[in-house]
Amino acid sequence: EDNLVERAIEAIQQAAHTGRIGDGKIFVTPVEEAIRIRTGER
């Protein structure tokens, strides 16, 4: 959910950080819909 995005980004950044080249990247994109196959929840 949108309201958790910043906390998730911070958690990933802090945990993945080494300070060396190649630490990685984080990409954030909007999701239009999600469907649970088993129940049909949306």
All heavy atoms as atom14 arrays in JSON, in Angstrom:
{
  "sequence": "EDNLVERAIEAIQQAAHTGRIGDGKIFVTPVEEAIRIRTGER",
  "atom14_mask": [
    [1, 1, 1, 1, 1, 1, 1, 1, 1, 0, 0, 0, 0, 0],
    [1, 1, 1, 1, 1, 1, 1, 1, 0, 0, 0, 0, 0, 0],
    [1, 1, 1, 1, 1, 1, 1, 1, 0, 0, 0, 0, 0, 0],
    [1, 1, 1, 1, 1, 1, 1, 1, 0, 0, 0, 0, 0, 0],
    [1, 1, 1, 1, 1, 1, 1, 0, 0, 0, 0, 0, 0, 0],
    [1, 1, 1, 1, 1, 1, 1, 1, 1, 0, 0, 0, 0, 0],
    [1, 1, 1, 1, 1, 1, 1, 1, 1, 1, 1, 0, 0, 0],
    [1, 1, 1, 1, 1, 0, 0, 0, 0, 0, 0, 0, 0, 0],
    [1, 1, 1, 1, 1, 1, 1, 1, 0, 0, 0, 0, 0, 0],
    [1, 1, 1, 1, 1, 1, 1, 1, 1, 0, 0, 0, 0, 0],
    [1, 1, 1, 1, 1, 0, 0, 0, 0, 0, 0, 0, 0, 0],
    [1, 1, 1, 1, 1, 1, 1, 1, 0, 0, 0, 0, 0, 0],
    [1, 1, 1, 1, 1, 1, 1, 1, 1, 0, 0, 0, 0, 0],
    [1, 1, 1, 1, 1, 1, 1, 1, 1, 0, 0, 0, 0, 0],
    [1, 1, 1, 1, 1, 0, 0, 0, 0, 0, 0, 0, 0, 0],
    [1, 1, 1, 1, 1, 0, 0, 0, 0, 0, 0, 0, 0, 0],
    [1, 1, 1, 1, 1, 1, 1, 1, 1, 1, 0, 0, 0, 0],
    [1, 1, 1, 1, 1, 1, 1, 0, 0, 0, 0, 0, 0, 0],
    [1, 1, 1, 1, 0, 0, 0, 0, 0, 0, 0, 0, 0, 0],
    [1, 1, 1, 1, 1, 1, 1, 1, 1, 1, 1, 0, 0, 0],
    [1, 1, 1, 1, 1, 1, 1, 1, 0, 0, 0, 0, 0, 0],
    [1, 1, 1, 1, 0, 0, 0, 0, 0, 0, 0, 0, 0, 0],
    [1, 1, 1, 1, 1, 1, 1, 1, 0, 0, 0, 0, 0, 0],
    [1, 1, 1, 1, 0, 0, 0, 0, 0, 0, 0, 0, 0, 0],
    [1, 1, 1, 1, 1, 1, 1, 1, 1, 0, 0, 0, 0, 0],
    [1, 1, 1, 1, 1, 1, 1, 1, 0, 0, 0, 0, 0, 0],
    [1, 1, 1, 1, 1, 1, 1, 1, 1, 1, 1, 0, 0, 0],
    [1, 1, 1, 1, 1, 1, 1, 0, 0, 0, 0, 0, 0, 0],
    [1, 1, 1, 1, 1, 1, 1, 0, 0, 0, 0, 0, 0, 0],
    [1, 1, 1, 1, 1, 1, 1, 0, 0, 0, 0, 0, 0, 0],
    [1, 1, 1, 1, 1, 1, 1, 0, 0, 0, 0, 0, 0, 0],
    [1, 1, 1, 1, 1, 1, 1, 1, 1, 0, 0, 0, 0, 0],
    [1, 1, 1, 1, 1, 1, 1, 1, 1, 0, 0, 0, 0, 0],
    [1, 1, 1, 1, 1, 0, 0, 0, 0, 0, 0, 0, 0, 0],
    [1, 1, 1, 1, 1, 1, 1, 1, 0, 0, 0, 0, 0, 0],
    [1, 1, 1, 1, 1, 1, 1, 1, 1, 1, 1, 0, 0, 0],
    [1, 1, 1, 1, 1, 1, 1, 1, 0, 0, 0, 0, 0, 0],
    [1, 1, 1, 1, 1, 1, 1, 1, 1, 1, 1, 0, 0, 0],
    [1, 1, 1, 1, 1, 1, 1, 0, 0, 0, 0, 0, 0, 0],
    [1, 1, 1, 1, 0, 0, 0, 0, 0, 0, 0, 0, 0, 0],
    [1, 1, 1, 1, 1, 1, 1, 1, 1, 0, 0, 0, 0, 0],
    [1, 1, 1, 1, 1, 1, 1, 1, 1, 1, 1, 0, 0, 0]
  ],
  "atom14_positions": [
    [[0.84, -1.19, 0.0], [0.0, 0.0, 0.0], [0.88, 1.25, 0.0], [1.99, 1.24, 0.54], [-0.91, 0.01, 1.23], [-1.93, -1.1, 1.23], [-2.85, -1.04, 2.45], [-3.54, -0.02, 2.6], [-2.84, -2.01, 3.21], [0.0, 0.0, 0.0], [0.0, 0.0, 0.0], [0.0, 0.0, 0.0], [0.0, 0.0, 0.0], [0.0, 0.0, 0.0]],
    [[0.35, 2.32, -0.59], [1.09, 3.58, -0.7], [1.67, 4.05, 0.63], [2.79, 4.53, 0.68], [0.16, 4.69, -1.21], [0.14, 4.76, -2.72], [0.94, 4.07, -3.37], [-0.7, 5.52, -3.24], [0.0, 0.0, 0.0], [0.0, 0.0, 0.0], [0.0, 0.0, 0.0], [0.0, 0.0, 0.0], [0.0, 0.0, 0.0], [0.0, 0.0, 0.0]],
    [[0.9, 3.92, 1.7], [1.33, 4.49, 2.97], [2.52, 3.77, 3.59], [3.08, 4.23, 4.58], [0.16, 4.56, 3.96], [-0.43, 3.2, 4.27], [-0.12, 2.21, 3.6], [-1.27, 3.14, 5.26], [0.0, 0.0, 0.0], [0.0, 0.0, 0.0], [0.0, 0.0, 0.0], [0.0, 0.0, 0.0], [0.0, 0.0, 0.0], [0.0, 0.0, 0.0]],
    [[2.93, 2.63, 3.04], [4.07, 1.88, 3.56], [5.33, 2.03, 2.71], [6.4, 1.54, 3.08], [3.73, 0.4, 3.67], [2.59, 0.03, 4.61], [2.22, -1.43, 4.46], [2.95, 0.36, 6.04], [0.0, 0.0, 0.0], [0.0, 0.0, 0.0], [0.0, 0.0, 0.0], [0.0, 0.0, 0.0], [0.0, 0.0, 0.0], [0.0, 0.0, 0.0]],
    [[5.21, 2.72, 1.59], [6.3, 2.77, 0.62], [7.57, 3.4, 1.2], [8.65, 2.83, 1.09], [5.88, 3.49, -0.68], [7.06, 3.77, -1.58], [4.84, 2.67, -1.41], [0.0, 0.0, 0.0], [0.0, 0.0, 0.0], [0.0, 0.0, 0.0], [0.0, 0.0, 0.0], [0.0, 0.0, 0.0], [0.0, 0.0, 0.0], [0.0, 0.0, 0.0]],
    [[7.46, 4.56, 1.82], [8.65, 5.24, 2.33], [9.35, 4.42, 3.4], [10.57, 4.34, 3.43], [8.31, 6.64, 2.85], [8.1, 7.66, 1.76], [9.26, 7.75, 0.76], [10.44, 7.76, 1.18], [9.0, 7.79, -0.46], [0.0, 0.0, 0.0], [0.0, 0.0, 0.0], [0.0, 0.0, 0.0], [0.0, 0.0, 0.0], [0.0, 0.0, 0.0]],
    [[8.58, 3.79, 4.28], [9.18, 2.94, 5.32], [9.91, 1.76, 4.7], [10.98, 1.37, 5.14], [8.12, 2.47, 6.31], [7.62, 3.6, 7.19], [6.45, 3.21, 8.05], [6.77, 2.1, 8.94], [5.86, 1.31, 9.49], [4.59, 1.49, 9.25], [6.22, 0.33, 10.29], [0.0, 0.0, 0.0], [0.0, 0.0, 0.0], [0.0, 0.0, 0.0]],
    [[9.32, 1.18, 3.66], [9.95, 0.04, 2.98], [11.24, 0.47, 2.29], [12.26, -0.23, 2.38], [8.98, -0.58, 1.98], [0.0, 0.0, 0.0], [0.0, 0.0, 0.0], [0.0, 0.0, 0.0], [0.0, 0.0, 0.0], [0.0, 0.0, 0.0], [0.0, 0.0, 0.0], [0.0, 0.0, 0.0], [0.0, 0.0, 0.0], [0.0, 0.0, 0.0]],
    [[11.22, 1.61, 1.63], [12.42, 2.12, 0.96], [13.54, 2.35, 1.97], [14.68, 1.94, 1.76], [12.1, 3.42, 0.18], [11.23, 3.11, -1.03], [13.39, 4.12, -0.25], [10.67, 4.34, -1.72], [0.0, 0.0, 0.0], [0.0, 0.0, 0.0], [0.0, 0.0, 0.0], [0.0, 0.0, 0.0], [0.0, 0.0, 0.0], [0.0, 0.0, 0.0]],
    [[13.21, 2.99, 3.08], [14.22, 3.24, 4.12], [14.79, 1.93, 4.66], [16.0, 1.81, 4.86], [13.61, 4.06, 5.27], [13.38, 5.51, 4.93], [12.66, 6.25, 6.05], [12.76, 5.83, 7.22], [12.0, 7.25, 5.74], [0.0, 0.0, 0.0], [0.0, 0.0, 0.0], [0.0, 0.0, 0.0], [0.0, 0.0, 0.0], [0.0, 0.0, 0.0]],
    [[13.92, 0.96, 4.91], [14.37, -0.33, 5.44], [15.32, -1.01, 4.47], [16.37, -1.53, 4.87], [13.17, -1.23, 5.74], [0.0, 0.0, 0.0], [0.0, 0.0, 0.0], [0.0, 0.0, 0.0], [0.0, 0.0, 0.0], [0.0, 0.0, 0.0], [0.0, 0.0, 0.0], [0.0, 0.0, 0.0], [0.0, 0.0, 0.0], [0.0, 0.0, 0.0]],
    [[14.98, -1.01, 3.18], [15.83, -1.64, 2.17], [17.16, -0.9, 2.07], [18.23, -1.52, 2.06], [15.12, -1.69, 0.8], [13.91, -2.62, 0.87], [16.1, -2.15, -0.28], [12.98, -2.5, -0.33], [0.0, 0.0, 0.0], [0.0, 0.0, 0.0], [0.0, 0.0, 0.0], [0.0, 0.0, 0.0], [0.0, 0.0, 0.0], [0.0, 0.0, 0.0]],
    [[17.09, 0.43, 2.01], [18.32, 1.22, 1.89], [19.28, 0.96, 3.04], [20.46, 0.72, 2.84], [18.0, 2.72, 1.86], [17.74, 3.25, 0.49], [17.58, 4.76, 0.52], [16.67, 5.27, 1.16], [18.45, 5.45, -0.16], [0.0, 0.0, 0.0], [0.0, 0.0, 0.0], [0.0, 0.0, 0.0], [0.0, 0.0, 0.0], [0.0, 0.0, 0.0]],
    [[18.76, 1.01, 4.26], [19.63, 0.82, 5.42], [20.2, -0.6, 5.48], [21.37, -0.79, 5.78], [18.86, 1.14, 6.7], [18.58, 2.63, 6.85], [17.72, 2.94, 8.06], [17.37, 2.08, 8.84], [17.36, 4.21, 8.19], [0.0, 0.0, 0.0], [0.0, 0.0, 0.0], [0.0, 0.0, 0.0], [0.0, 0.0, 0.0], [0.0, 0.0, 0.0]],
    [[19.38, -1.59, 5.18], [19.83, -2.98, 5.28], [20.78, -3.38, 4.14], [21.67, -4.2, 4.35], [18.63, -3.92, 5.3], [0.0, 0.0, 0.0], [0.0, 0.0, 0.0], [0.0, 0.0, 0.0], [0.0, 0.0, 0.0], [0.0, 0.0, 0.0], [0.0, 0.0, 0.0], [0.0, 0.0, 0.0], [0.0, 0.0, 0.0], [0.0, 0.0, 0.0]],
    [[20.61, -2.81, 2.96], [21.42, -3.2, 1.81], [22.69, -2.37, 1.65], [23.57, -2.73, 0.88], [20.58, -3.1, 0.53], [0.0, 0.0, 0.0], [0.0, 0.0, 0.0], [0.0, 0.0, 0.0], [0.0, 0.0, 0.0], [0.0, 0.0, 0.0], [0.0, 0.0, 0.0], [0.0, 0.0, 0.0], [0.0, 0.0, 0.0], [0.0, 0.0, 0.0]],
    [[22.81, -1.3, 2.4], [23.92, -0.37, 2.24], [25.24, -0.94, 2.74], [25.32, -1.46, 3.84], [23.61, 0.93, 3.01], [24.66, 1.96, 2.88], [25.65, 2.1, 3.82], [24.9, 2.88, 1.92], [26.45, 3.09, 3.45], [26.01, 3.57, 2.3], [0.0, 0.0, 0.0], [0.0, 0.0, 0.0], [0.0, 0.0, 0.0], [0.0, 0.0, 0.0]],
    [[26.27, -0.86, 1.89], [27.63, -1.18, 2.31], [28.54, 0.02, 2.12], [29.62, 0.08, 2.69], [28.24, -2.35, 1.49], [28.45, -1.92, 0.15], [27.37, -3.59, 1.55], [0.0, 0.0, 0.0], [0.0, 0.0, 0.0], [0.0, 0.0, 0.0], [0.0, 0.0, 0.0], [0.0, 0.0, 0.0], [0.0, 0.0, 0.0], [0.0, 0.0, 0.0]],
    [[28.1, 0.98, 1.31], [28.93, 2.14, 1.0], [29.86, 1.92, -0.18], [30.58, 2.81, -0.58], [0.0, 0.0, 0.0], [0.0, 0.0, 0.0], [0.0, 0.0, 0.0], [0.0, 0.0, 0.0], [0.0, 0.0, 0.0], [0.0, 0.0, 0.0], [0.0, 0.0, 0.0], [0.0, 0.0, 0.0], [0.0, 0.0, 0.0], [0.0, 0.0, 0.0]],
    [[29.8, 0.72, -0.74], [30.66, 0.4, -1.88], [29.85, 0.45, -3.17], [28.63, 0.26, -3.16], [31.26, -1.0, -1.73], [32.24, -1.1, -0.6], [33.1, -2.33, -0.81], [34.04, -2.49, 0.29], [33.98, -3.46, 1.18], [33.03, -4.38, 1.09], [34.85, -3.54, 2.13], [0.0, 0.0, 0.0], [0.0, 0.0, 0.0], [0.0, 0.0, 0.0]],
    [[30.55, 0.61, -4.26], [29.89, 0.6, -5.56], [29.2, -0.76, -5.75], [29.69, -1.78, -5.3], [30.91, 0.89, -6.69], [30.19, 1.21, -7.99], [31.89, -0.25, -6.85], [31.09, 1.86, -9.03], [0.0, 0.0, 0.0], [0.0, 0.0, 0.0], [0.0, 0.0, 0.0], [0.0, 0.0, 0.0], [0.0, 0.0, 0.0], [0.0, 0.0, 0.0]],
    [[28.03, -0.73, -6.37], [27.29, -1.97, -6.61], [26.29, -2.32, -5.53], [25.76, -3.42, -5.51], [0.0, 0.0, 0.0], [0.0, 0.0, 0.0], [0.0, 0.0, 0.0], [0.0, 0.0, 0.0], [0.0, 0.0, 0.0], [0.0, 0.0, 0.0], [0.0, 0.0, 0.0], [0.0, 0.0, 0.0], [0.0, 0.0, 0.0], [0.0, 0.0, 0.0]],
    [[26.02, -1.39, -4.6], [25.03, -1.65, -3.55], [23.64, -1.91, -4.12], [22.85, -2.6, -3.52], [24.95, -0.48, -2.56], [25.95, -0.61, -1.42], [26.63, -1.66, -1.33], [26.04, 0.34, -0.62], [0.0, 0.0, 0.0], [0.0, 0.0, 0.0], [0.0, 0.0, 0.0], [0.0, 0.0, 0.0], [0.0, 0.0, 0.0], [0.0, 0.0, 0.0]],
    [[23.36, -1.35, -5.29], [22.11, -1.66, -5.96], [21.23, -0.45, -6.2], [21.62, 0.69, -6.04], [0.0, 0.0, 0.0], [0.0, 0.0, 0.0], [0.0, 0.0, 0.0], [0.0, 0.0, 0.0], [0.0, 0.0, 0.0], [0.0, 0.0, 0.0], [0.0, 0.0, 0.0], [0.0, 0.0, 0.0], [0.0, 0.0, 0.0], [0.0, 0.0, 0.0]],
    [[20.0, -0.75, -6.57], [19.01, 0.28, -6.91], [17.65, -0.14, -6.37], [17.38, -1.33, -6.18], [18.87, 0.42, -8.43], [20.1, 0.84, -9.17], [20.11, 2.32, -9.37], [21.19, 2.84, -10.3], [22.48, 2.24, -10.28], [0.0, 0.0, 0.0], [0.0, 0.0, 0.0], [0.0, 0.0, 0.0], [0.0, 0.0, 0.0], [0.0, 0.0, 0.0]],
    [[16.77, 0.84, -6.18], [15.38, 0.6, -5.8], [14.51, 1.32, -6.83], [14.74, 2.49, -7.12], [15.06, 1.13, -4.38], [15.95, 0.44, -3.35], [13.59, 0.93, -4.06], [15.86, 1.04, -1.96], [0.0, 0.0, 0.0], [0.0, 0.0, 0.0], [0.0, 0.0, 0.0], [0.0, 0.0, 0.0], [0.0, 0.0, 0.0], [0.0, 0.0, 0.0]],
    [[13.52, 0.6, -7.36], [12.59, 1.18, -8.32], [11.18, 1.08, -7.73], [10.82, 0.03, -7.19], [12.64, 0.44, -9.66], [14.01, 0.4, -10.27], [14.81, -0.73, -10.15], [14.52, 1.51, -10.94], [16.08, -0.78, -10.7], [15.79, 1.47, -11.5], [16.58, 0.33, -11.38], [0.0, 0.0, 0.0], [0.0, 0.0, 0.0], [0.0, 0.0, 0.0]],
    [[10.4, 2.13, -7.88], [9.02, 2.14, -7.37], [8.1, 2.48, -8.54], [8.3, 3.49, -9.22], [8.85, 3.18, -6.24], [7.43, 3.17, -5.72], [9.85, 2.93, -5.12], [0.0, 0.0, 0.0], [0.0, 0.0, 0.0], [0.0, 0.0, 0.0], [0.0, 0.0, 0.0], [0.0, 0.0, 0.0], [0.0, 0.0, 0.0], [0.0, 0.0, 0.0]],
    [[7.1, 1.62, -8.76], [6.14, 1.85, -9.83], [4.72, 1.67, -9.31], [4.49, 0.89, -8.38], [6.37, 0.88, -11.01], [6.37, -0.45, -10.51], [7.68, 1.14, -11.71], [0.0, 0.0, 0.0], [0.0, 0.0, 0.0], [0.0, 0.0, 0.0], [0.0, 0.0, 0.0], [0.0, 0.0, 0.0], [0.0, 0.0, 0.0], [0.0, 0.0, 0.0]],
    [[3.76, 2.38, -9.9], [2.36, 2.2, -9.48], [1.82, 0.85, -9.93], [2.22, 0.33, -10.98], [1.61, 3.33, -10.16], [2.52, 3.87, -11.21], [3.92, 3.42, -10.91], [0.0, 0.0, 0.0], [0.0, 0.0, 0.0], [0.0, 0.0, 0.0], [0.0, 0.0, 0.0], [0.0, 0.0, 0.0], [0.0, 0.0, 0.0], [0.0, 0.0, 0.0]],
    [[0.94, 0.28, -9.13], [0.27, -0.97, -9.47], [-1.21, -0.67, -9.59], [-1.83, -0.15, -8.66], [0.52, -2.05, -8.39], [-0.33, -3.28, -8.64], [1.98, -2.42, -8.34], [0.0, 0.0, 0.0], [0.0, 0.0, 0.0], [0.0, 0.0, 0.0], [0.0, 0.0, 0.0], [0.0, 0.0, 0.0], [0.0, 0.0, 0.0], [0.0, 0.0, 0.0]],
    [[-1.77, -0.98, -10.74], [-3.16, -0.67, -11.0], [-4.11, -1.64, -10.31], [-5.17, -1.25, -9.83], [-3.39, -0.68, -12.51], [-4.63, 0.06, -12.91], [-4.63, 0.33, -14.39], [-3.83, 1.12, -14.87], [-5.48, -0.3, -15.06], [0.0, 0.0, 0.0], [0.0, 0.0, 0.0], [0.0, 0.0, 0.0], [0.0, 0.0, 0.0], [0.0, 0.0, 0.0]],
    [[-3.74, -2.9, -10.27], [-4.64, -3.9, -9.69], [-3.84, -5.1, -9.22], [-2.77, -5.39, -9.75], [-5.69, -4.34, -10.72], [-6.7, -5.34, -10.23], [-7.6, -4.83, -9.12], [-7.11, -4.67, -7.99], [-8.78, -4.6, -9.38], [0.0, 0.0, 0.0], [0.0, 0.0, 0.0], [0.0, 0.0, 0.0], [0.0, 0.0, 0.0], [0.0, 0.0, 0.0]],
    [[-4.36, -5.77, -8.2], [-3.81, -7.03, -7.72], [-4.98, -7.98, -7.48], [-6.02, -7.55, -6.96], [-3.03, -6.81, -6.42], [0.0, 0.0, 0.0], [0.0, 0.0, 0.0], [0.0, 0.0, 0.0], [0.0, 0.0, 0.0], [0.0, 0.0, 0.0], [0.0, 0.0, 0.0], [0.0, 0.0, 0.0], [0.0, 0.0, 0.0], [0.0, 0.0, 0.0]],
    [[-4.81, -9.23, -7.86], [-5.88, -10.23, -7.69], [-5.27, -11.47, -7.07], [-4.27, -11.99, -7.58], [-6.54, -10.6, -9.04], [-7.18, -9.36, -9.68], [-7.58, -11.69, -8.85], [-6.47, -8.89, -10.89], [0.0, 0.0, 0.0], [0.0, 0.0, 0.0], [0.0, 0.0, 0.0], [0.0, 0.0, 0.0], [0.0, 0.0, 0.0], [0.0, 0.0, 0.0]],
    [[-5.84, -11.93, -5.96], [-5.42, -13.19, -5.37], [-6.13, -14.3, -6.14], [-7.36, -14.36, -6.17], [-5.78, -13.25, -3.89], [-5.25, -14.51, -3.21], [-5.68, -14.59, -1.75], [-5.46, -13.37, -1.0], [-4.33, -13.08, -0.32], [-3.34, -13.94, -0.32], [-4.23, -11.96, 0.33], [0.0, 0.0, 0.0], [0.0, 0.0, 0.0], [0.0, 0.0, 0.0]],
    [[-5.37, -15.17, -6.77], [-5.94, -16.2, -7.63], [-6.86, -17.14, -6.85], [-7.95, -17.48, -7.31], [-4.82, -16.99, -8.35], [-4.1, -16.04, -9.33], [-5.37, -18.22, -9.06], [-2.87, -16.64, -9.97], [0.0, 0.0, 0.0], [0.0, 0.0, 0.0], [0.0, 0.0, 0.0], [0.0, 0.0, 0.0], [0.0, 0.0, 0.0], [0.0, 0.0, 0.0]],
    [[-6.44, -17.56, -5.66], [-7.21, -18.55, -4.9], [-8.61, -18.05, -4.54], [-9.58, -18.78, -4.67], [-6.45, -18.92, -3.62], [-7.18, -19.91, -2.72], [-6.36, -20.3, -1.51], [-5.88, -19.19, -0.72], [-6.58, -18.62, 0.28], [-7.77, -19.06, 0.59], [-6.07, -17.61, 0.95], [0.0, 0.0, 0.0], [0.0, 0.0, 0.0], [0.0, 0.0, 0.0]],
    [[-8.72, -16.78, -4.09], [-10.0, -16.28, -3.57], [-10.7, -15.28, -4.47], [-11.88, -14.99, -4.27], [-9.79, -15.6, -2.21], [-8.93, -14.46, -2.41], [-9.19, -16.56, -1.19], [0.0, 0.0, 0.0], [0.0, 0.0, 0.0], [0.0, 0.0, 0.0], [0.0, 0.0, 0.0], [0.0, 0.0, 0.0], [0.0, 0.0, 0.0], [0.0, 0.0, 0.0]],
    [[-9.97, -14.71, -5.4], [-10.55, -13.66, -6.24], [-10.51, -12.29, -5.59], [-11.01, -11.33, -6.16], [0.0, 0.0, 0.0], [0.0, 0.0, 0.0], [0.0, 0.0, 0.0], [0.0, 0.0, 0.0], [0.0, 0.0, 0.0], [0.0, 0.0, 0.0], [0.0, 0.0, 0.0], [0.0, 0.0, 0.0], [0.0, 0.0, 0.0], [0.0, 0.0, 0.0]],
    [[-9.94, -12.18, -4.39], [-9.84, -10.87, -3.73], [-9.07, -9.92, -4.62], [-8.17, -10.33, -5.35], [-9.12, -11.01, -2.39], [-9.9, -11.76, -1.33], [-9.03, -12.08, -0.13], [-8.14, -12.93, -0.29], [-9.27, -11.49, 0.93], [0.0, 0.0, 0.0], [0.0, 0.0, 0.0], [0.0, 0.0, 0.0], [0.0, 0.0, 0.0], [0.0, 0.0, 0.0]],
    [[-9.42, -8.64, -4.52], [-8.79, -7.62, -5.37], [-8.25, -6.47, -4.54], [-8.64, -6.27, -3.41], [-9.82, -7.08, -6.37], [-10.19, -8.1, -7.43], [-11.19, -7.52, -8.41], [-11.35, -8.42, -9.53], [-10.7, -8.29, -10.69], [-9.9, -7.28, -10.88], [-10.87, -9.16, -11.64], [0.0, 0.0, 0.0], [0.0, 0.0, 0.0], [0.0, 0.0, 0.0]]
  ]
}
